[in-house]
Amino acid sequence: MTEPQGGENPSFIKLAMRNMVRKGRQSLFHFGLTALGLTGFLVLIAWLGRPQVPGG
């Protein structure tokens, strides 16, 4: 197998890293929103699926 040359066909991870460095603050803001949304969704699912204890 041959490695791709310097400028040819960079991997998606390298492109994502380069984009994140270039748009640092916006990327962190979007990452924070995604983390907050996922956490909220998981808490909501846990709350809706909580067990019902009789007499409690």
Protein backbone atom coordinates (compact mmCIF):
# COMPACT_ATOMS: atom_id res chain seq x y z
CA MET A 1 0.00 0.00 0.00
CA THR A 2 1.20 3.48 -0.73
CA GLU A 3 0.69 6.47 1.52
CA PRO A 4 -1.09 9.46 -0.05
CA GLN A 5 1.19 12.30 -1.04
CA GLY A 6 1.37 15.52 1.00
CA GLY A 7 -1.54 17.44 -0.54
CA GLU A 8 -3.50 14.59 -2.05
CA ASN A 9 -6.70 13.27 -0.52
CA PRO A 10 -6.31 14.08 3.19
CA SER A 11 -8.38 11.97 5.54
CA PHE A 12 -11.70 13.20 6.90
CA ILE A 13 -10.21 13.35 10.40
CA LYS A 14 -7.40 15.61 9.24
CA LEU A 15 -9.89 17.86 7.44
CA ALA A 16 -12.11 18.02 10.53
CA MET A 17 -9.15 18.85 12.78
CA ARG A 18 -7.97 21.58 10.41
CA ASN A 19 -11.49 23.03 10.25
CA MET A 20 -11.82 22.91 14.05
CA VAL A 21 -8.54 24.76 14.52
CA ARG A 22 -9.57 27.36 11.95
CA LYS A 23 -13.01 27.91 13.52
CA GLY A 24 -12.03 27.23 17.12
CA ARG A 25 -14.60 29.24 19.09
CA GLN A 26 -17.54 28.30 16.86
CA SER A 27 -16.56 24.62 16.95
CA LEU A 28 -16.37 24.65 20.76
CA PHE A 29 -19.76 26.39 20.95
CA HIS A 30 -21.36 23.78 18.68
CA PHE A 31 -19.68 20.95 20.60
CA GLY A 32 -21.06 22.40 23.84
CA LEU A 33 -24.56 22.67 22.40
CA THR A 34 -24.38 19.09 21.16
CA ALA A 35 -23.15 17.81 24.54
CA LEU A 36 -25.86 19.77 26.39
CA GLY A 37 -28.57 18.52 24.03
CA LEU A 38 -27.45 14.89 24.30
CA THR A 39 -27.26 15.11 28.09
CA GLY A 40 -30.73 16.67 28.24
CA PHE A 41 -32.12 13.98 25.96
CA LEU A 42 -30.64 11.19 28.09
CA VAL A 43 -31.98 12.75 31.30
CA LEU A 44 -35.43 13.09 29.71
CA ILE A 45 -35.45 9.45 28.60
CA ALA A 46 -34.29 8.35 32.07
CA TRP A 47 -37.02 10.46 33.72
CA LEU A 48 -39.75 9.16 31.41
CA GLY A 49 -38.62 5.56 31.90
CA ARG A 50 -38.23 5.69 35.68
CA PRO A 51 -39.73 2.77 37.56
CA GLN A 52 -43.00 3.31 39.42
CA VAL A 53 -42.64 2.20 43.04
CA PRO A 54 -45.97 1.25 44.62
CA GLY A 55 -46.86 3.31 47.69
CA GLY A 56 -44.02 5.75 47.12
